[in-house]
Protein backbone atom coordinates (compact mmCIF):
# COMPACT_ATOMS: atom_id res chain seq x y z
CA MET A 1 4.60 5.95 16.14
CA ARG A 2 8.13 4.90 14.29
CA ARG A 3 8.91 2.49 11.67
CA ALA A 4 12.43 0.63 10.73
CA GLY A 5 13.89 3.80 12.11
CA ARG A 6 12.12 6.27 10.64
CA ARG A 7 9.78 9.09 11.67
CA ALA A 8 5.64 8.83 11.35
CA ASP A 9 3.41 10.98 11.93
CA VAL A 10 -0.28 9.95 13.60
CA PRO A 11 -2.39 13.23 12.95
CA ARG A 12 -5.31 13.23 14.57
CA PHE A 13 -8.29 15.68 13.03
CA THR A 14 -11.65 16.87 14.61
CA ARG A 15 -14.69 16.11 13.81
CA GLN A 16 -15.08 19.96 12.21
CA GLU A 17 -12.31 19.63 10.37
CA GLY A 18 -12.99 16.45 8.41
CA ASP A 19 -15.92 13.09 9.75
CA ALA A 20 -13.50 10.18 8.41
CA HIS A 21 -10.47 8.35 9.26
CA CYS A 22 -9.13 8.79 5.70
CA GLN A 23 -11.05 13.29 5.61
CA VAL A 24 -13.36 12.55 3.14
CA SER A 25 -15.77 15.01 3.79
CA ASN A 26 -12.05 18.04 3.57
CA LEU A 27 -9.87 16.61 1.27
CA PRO A 28 -8.37 19.99 1.04
CA LEU A 29 -7.07 19.01 4.45
CA ALA A 30 -6.10 15.97 4.39
CA GLN A 31 -3.93 17.09 1.14
CA ALA A 32 -2.70 20.08 2.85
CA VAL A 33 -1.51 17.73 6.28
CA VAL A 34 -0.03 15.15 3.50
CA LEU A 35 2.01 17.98 1.43
CA ASP A 36 3.44 19.60 4.31
CA ARG A 37 4.89 16.71 5.77
CA LEU A 38 6.20 15.87 2.08
CA ASP A 39 7.65 18.52 1.67
CA GLU A 40 9.48 18.65 5.08
CA VAL A 41 11.33 15.31 3.61
CA LEU A 42 12.64 16.52 0.55
CA GLU A 43 14.17 19.16 2.32
CA ARG A 44 15.63 16.88 4.04
CA ARG A 45 17.08 14.99 1.68
CA MET A 46 18.09 17.75 -0.65
CA GLY A 47 19.72 19.61 1.53
CA GLN A 48 22.26 16.08 2.42
């Protein structure tokens, strides 16, 4: 998926990983995915 020329990942979680589209039953997993992506973005920007 792309938006305004930028990368937009849509992670797919299994029912075993978290039972809702927003990972209500597994917040550590959802937070890890978001924070890993944020790290990637910030590392790229800091390297510019």
